[in-house]
N, C-alpha and C. Protein backbone atom coordinates (compact mmCIF):
# COMPACT_ATOMS: atom_id res chain seq x y z
N MET A 1 19.57 41.35 21.25
CA MET A 1 19.10 40.54 20.24
C MET A 1 19.62 39.01 20.81
N GLY A 2 20.66 39.00 21.23
CA GLY A 2 21.20 37.66 21.78
C GLY A 2 20.42 37.07 22.80
N GLN A 3 19.90 37.83 23.44
CA GLN A 3 18.95 37.52 24.81
C GLN A 3 17.67 36.88 24.11
N GLN A 4 17.16 37.39 23.00
CA GLN A 4 16.08 36.79 22.39
C GLN A 4 16.31 35.43 21.79
N ARG A 5 17.41 35.41 21.17
CA ARG A 5 17.62 33.94 20.37
C ARG A 5 17.73 32.98 21.64
N SER A 6 18.36 33.05 22.66
CA SER A 6 18.53 32.18 23.91
C SER A 6 17.22 31.74 24.36
N SER A 7 16.51 32.81 24.44
CA SER A 7 15.31 32.70 25.02
C SER A 7 14.43 31.78 24.40
N GLY A 8 14.48 32.03 22.68
CA GLY A 8 13.37 30.96 21.74
C GLY A 8 14.22 29.40 21.97
N PHE A 9 15.65 29.50 21.96
CA PHE A 9 16.27 28.13 21.99
C PHE A 9 15.80 27.52 23.27
N LYS A 10 15.86 28.07 24.19
CA LYS A 10 15.40 27.51 25.78
C LYS A 10 13.85 27.15 25.63
N SER A 11 13.17 27.81 24.89
CA SER A 11 11.67 27.60 24.76
C SER A 11 11.53 26.17 23.91
N ALA A 12 12.36 26.39 23.18
CA ALA A 12 12.04 25.16 21.99
C ALA A 12 12.73 23.76 22.79
N LEU A 13 13.65 24.07 23.59
CA LEU A 13 14.41 22.77 24.23
C LEU A 13 13.24 22.53 25.34
N VAL A 14 12.68 23.20 25.79
CA VAL A 14 11.71 22.84 26.98
C VAL A 14 10.43 22.25 26.10
N VAL A 15 9.88 22.54 25.03
CA VAL A 15 8.81 22.08 24.34
C VAL A 15 9.30 20.52 24.05
N ALA A 16 10.54 20.52 23.58
CA ALA A 16 11.02 19.24 22.96
C ALA A 16 10.94 18.09 24.05
N GLY A 17 11.35 18.73 25.22
CA GLY A 17 11.55 17.80 26.41
C GLY A 17 10.43 17.44 26.59
N GLY A 18 9.37 18.31 26.94
CA GLY A 18 8.10 18.16 27.35
C GLY A 18 7.44 16.83 26.41
N LEU A 19 7.40 17.15 25.04
CA LEU A 19 7.08 16.15 24.28
C LEU A 19 7.70 14.85 24.41
N ALA A 20 9.02 14.62 24.65
CA ALA A 20 9.58 13.35 24.88
C ALA A 20 8.99 12.85 26.02
N PHE A 21 8.75 13.53 27.15
CA PHE A 21 8.34 13.13 28.35
C PHE A 21 6.81 12.41 28.31
N ALA A 22 6.06 13.23 27.52
CA ALA A 22 4.65 12.95 27.47
C ALA A 22 4.78 11.36 26.60
N TRP A 23 5.51 11.44 25.26
CA TRP A 23 5.73 10.10 24.69
C TRP A 23 5.71 9.02 25.41
N LEU A 24 7.04 9.18 26.31
CA LEU A 24 7.38 8.13 27.40
C LEU A 24 6.22 7.71 28.50
N THR A 25 5.59 8.71 28.75
CA THR A 25 4.68 8.46 29.89
C THR A 25 3.48 7.59 29.16
N ILE A 26 3.13 8.08 28.10
CA ILE A 26 1.86 7.44 27.45
C ILE A 26 2.34 5.93 27.12
N GLU A 27 3.52 5.79 26.44
CA GLU A 27 4.11 4.41 26.16
C GLU A 27 4.03 3.49 27.34
N MET A 28 4.56 4.09 28.60
CA MET A 28 4.56 3.35 29.83
C MET A 28 3.12 3.01 30.42
N ALA A 29 2.20 3.66 30.22
CA ALA A 29 1.03 3.76 30.70
C ALA A 29 0.00 2.65 29.86
N PHE A 30 0.22 2.84 28.69
CA PHE A 30 -0.30 1.89 28.07
C PHE A 30 0.27 0.63 27.57
N LYS A 31 1.47 0.39 28.09
CA LYS A 31 2.39 -0.51 27.61
C LYS A 31 1.62 -2.18 27.10
N PRO A 32 0.89 -2.41 28.28
CA PRO A 32 0.42 -3.88 27.85
C PRO A 32 -0.78 -3.93 26.79
N PHE A 33 -1.38 -2.93 26.56
CA PHE A 33 -2.35 -2.78 25.34
C PHE A 33 -1.43 -2.75 24.20
N LEU A 34 -0.54 -1.74 24.17
CA LEU A 34 0.49 -1.89 23.09
C LEU A 34 1.04 -3.16 22.62
N ASP A 35 1.26 -3.60 23.60
CA ASP A 35 2.17 -4.90 23.38
C ASP A 35 1.19 -5.90 22.63
N ARG A 36 -0.18 -6.20 23.55
CA ARG A 36 -0.61 -6.89 22.67
C ARG A 36 -1.51 -6.70 21.22
N LEU A 37 -1.44 -5.30 21.19
CA LEU A 37 -1.60 -4.66 19.53
C LEU A 37 -0.62 -5.06 18.59
N ARG A 38 0.57 -4.89 18.97
CA ARG A 38 1.80 -4.62 18.13
C ARG A 38 2.00 -6.35 17.95
N ASP A 39 1.60 -7.13 18.85
CA ASP A 39 1.83 -8.67 18.59
C ASP A 39 0.51 -9.22 17.65
N SER A 40 -0.51 -8.74 17.69
CA SER A 40 -1.74 -9.19 16.81
C SER A 40 -1.46 -8.52 15.29
N VAL A 41 -0.90 -7.36 15.42
CA VAL A 41 -0.60 -6.89 14.01
C VAL A 41 0.61 -7.96 13.39
N ALA A 42 1.67 -8.23 14.06
CA ALA A 42 2.94 -9.00 13.66
C ALA A 42 2.25 -10.20 13.20
N LYS A 43 1.31 -10.78 13.82
CA LYS A 43 0.70 -12.36 13.34
C LYS A 43 -0.52 -12.27 12.53
N SER A 44 -0.89 -10.97 12.19
CA SER A 44 -1.80 -11.00 11.09
C SER A 44 -1.58 -11.40 9.62
N ASP A 45 -2.34 -11.93 8.86
CA ASP A 45 -2.01 -12.28 7.58
C ASP A 45 -3.02 -11.40 6.55
N PRO A 46 -2.36 -10.46 5.97
CA PRO A 46 -2.82 -9.58 5.26
C PRO A 46 -3.55 -10.00 3.85
N GLY A 47 -3.46 -11.19 3.51
CA GLY A 47 -4.02 -11.77 2.43
C GLY A 47 -5.43 -12.51 2.77
N ARG A 48 -5.76 -12.67 4.27
CA ARG A 48 -7.07 -13.44 4.56
C ARG A 48 -7.97 -12.26 4.74
N ASP A 49 -9.17 -12.32 4.27
CA ASP A 49 -10.45 -11.71 4.65
C ASP A 49 -10.99 -11.99 6.07
N PRO A 50 -10.71 -10.81 7.02
CA PRO A 50 -11.15 -11.45 8.15
C PRO A 50 -12.83 -11.56 8.28
N ASP A 51 -13.41 -11.09 7.19
CA ASP A 51 -14.88 -11.20 7.41
C ASP A 51 -15.27 -12.54 7.20
N GLY A 52 -14.72 -13.19 6.21
CA GLY A 52 -14.89 -14.46 5.50
C GLY A 52 -16.40 -14.51 4.88
N ASP A 53 -16.71 -13.30 4.30
CA ASP A 53 -17.88 -13.46 3.50
C ASP A 53 -17.84 -14.07 2.19
N GLY A 54 -16.96 -14.05 1.55
CA GLY A 54 -16.83 -14.53 0.32
C GLY A 54 -16.52 -15.93 0.04
N GLU A 55 -16.23 -16.49 -1.21
CA GLU A 55 -16.12 -17.87 -1.49
C GLU A 55 -14.68 -18.45 -1.03
N ASP A 56 -14.01 -17.59 -1.18
CA ASP A 56 -12.42 -17.89 -0.59
C ASP A 56 -12.41 -17.75 0.93
N ALA A 57 -13.29 -17.99 1.80
CA ALA A 57 -13.25 -17.97 3.08
C ALA A 57 -12.28 -18.95 3.62
N GLY A 58 -11.34 -18.46 4.43
CA GLY A 58 -10.14 -19.34 4.93
C GLY A 58 -9.15 -19.59 4.07
N GLU A 59 -9.05 -19.23 2.93
CA GLU A 59 -8.14 -19.52 1.87
C GLU A 59 -7.22 -18.29 1.90
N THR A 60 -6.01 -18.27 1.83
CA THR A 60 -5.25 -17.07 1.60
C THR A 60 -5.06 -16.68 0.16
N SER A 61 -4.85 -15.42 -0.08
CA SER A 61 -4.88 -15.16 -1.47
C SER A 61 -3.37 -14.93 -1.83
N GLU A 62 -3.14 -15.16 -3.21
CA GLU A 62 -1.67 -15.02 -3.84
C GLU A 62 -1.15 -13.92 -3.33
N PRO A 63 0.19 -14.04 -3.52
CA PRO A 63 1.21 -12.73 -3.06
C PRO A 63 0.87 -11.71 -3.91
N SER A 64 0.90 -10.52 -3.48
CA SER A 64 0.64 -9.24 -4.55
C SER A 64 1.41 -9.30 -5.77
N SER A 65 0.97 -9.05 -6.93
CA SER A 65 1.90 -8.96 -7.97
C SER A 65 2.45 -7.61 -8.11
N PHE A 66 2.16 -6.84 -7.38
CA PHE A 66 2.94 -5.49 -7.43
C PHE A 66 4.34 -5.73 -6.96
N ALA A 67 5.57 -5.40 -7.54
CA ALA A 67 6.86 -5.45 -7.18
C ALA A 67 7.65 -4.03 -7.69
N SER A 68 8.77 -3.76 -6.87
CA SER A 68 9.27 -2.47 -7.37
C SER A 68 10.31 -3.14 -8.28
N PRO A 69 10.80 -2.17 -9.18
CA PRO A 69 11.66 -2.53 -10.50
C PRO A 69 13.01 -3.02 -9.65
N SER A 70 13.46 -2.70 -8.29
CA SER A 70 14.70 -3.18 -8.03
C SER A 70 14.57 -4.56 -7.73
N SER A 71 13.26 -5.07 -6.98
CA SER A 71 13.20 -6.27 -6.89
C SER A 71 13.18 -7.20 -7.70
N GLU A 72 12.39 -6.67 -8.76
CA GLU A 72 12.32 -7.59 -10.18
C GLU A 72 13.86 -7.80 -10.79
N GLU A 73 14.77 -6.84 -10.56
CA GLU A 73 16.17 -6.97 -11.28
C GLU A 73 16.95 -7.95 -10.07
N GLY A 74 16.63 -8.16 -8.92
CA GLY A 74 17.18 -8.71 -8.16
C GLY A 74 16.84 -10.28 -8.52
N GLN A 75 15.61 -10.57 -8.56
CA GLN A 75 15.10 -11.84 -9.02
C GLN A 75 15.41 -12.15 -10.10
N ALA A 76 15.65 -11.33 -11.23
CA ALA A 76 16.17 -11.82 -12.54
C ALA A 76 17.51 -12.25 -12.56
N GLY A 77 18.31 -11.54 -11.58
CA GLY A 77 19.71 -11.80 -11.55
C GLY A 77 19.86 -13.36 -10.86
N LYS A 78 18.74 -13.79 -9.96
CA LYS A 78 19.03 -14.68 -9.42
C LYS A 78 18.61 -15.88 -10.39
N HIS A 79 17.73 -15.94 -11.38
CA HIS A 79 17.32 -16.85 -12.18
C HIS A 79 18.43 -17.16 -13.24
N GLU A 80 19.14 -15.86 -13.81
CA GLU A 80 20.28 -16.04 -14.55
C GLU A 80 21.38 -16.84 -14.24
N LYS A 81 21.78 -16.94 -12.90
CA LYS A 81 23.07 -17.52 -12.28
C LYS A 81 22.88 -19.17 -12.39
């Protein structure tokens, strides 16, 4: 039984190593594309409509009114002081 456990562990280790190697290979192969994609995502404005079909074309929308309870408490504490 001990032999089967070590064999299973070795197989799992080989699979995990193979997945890590594959991930690194893909990251290096597509690095220029991924860098451009990450830069454009970082620069994007989620409040702007990219189509610009509506009346508000070019204007940014107001920040989202959704807030977590913890952020509301933190803001309330700032206004009290």
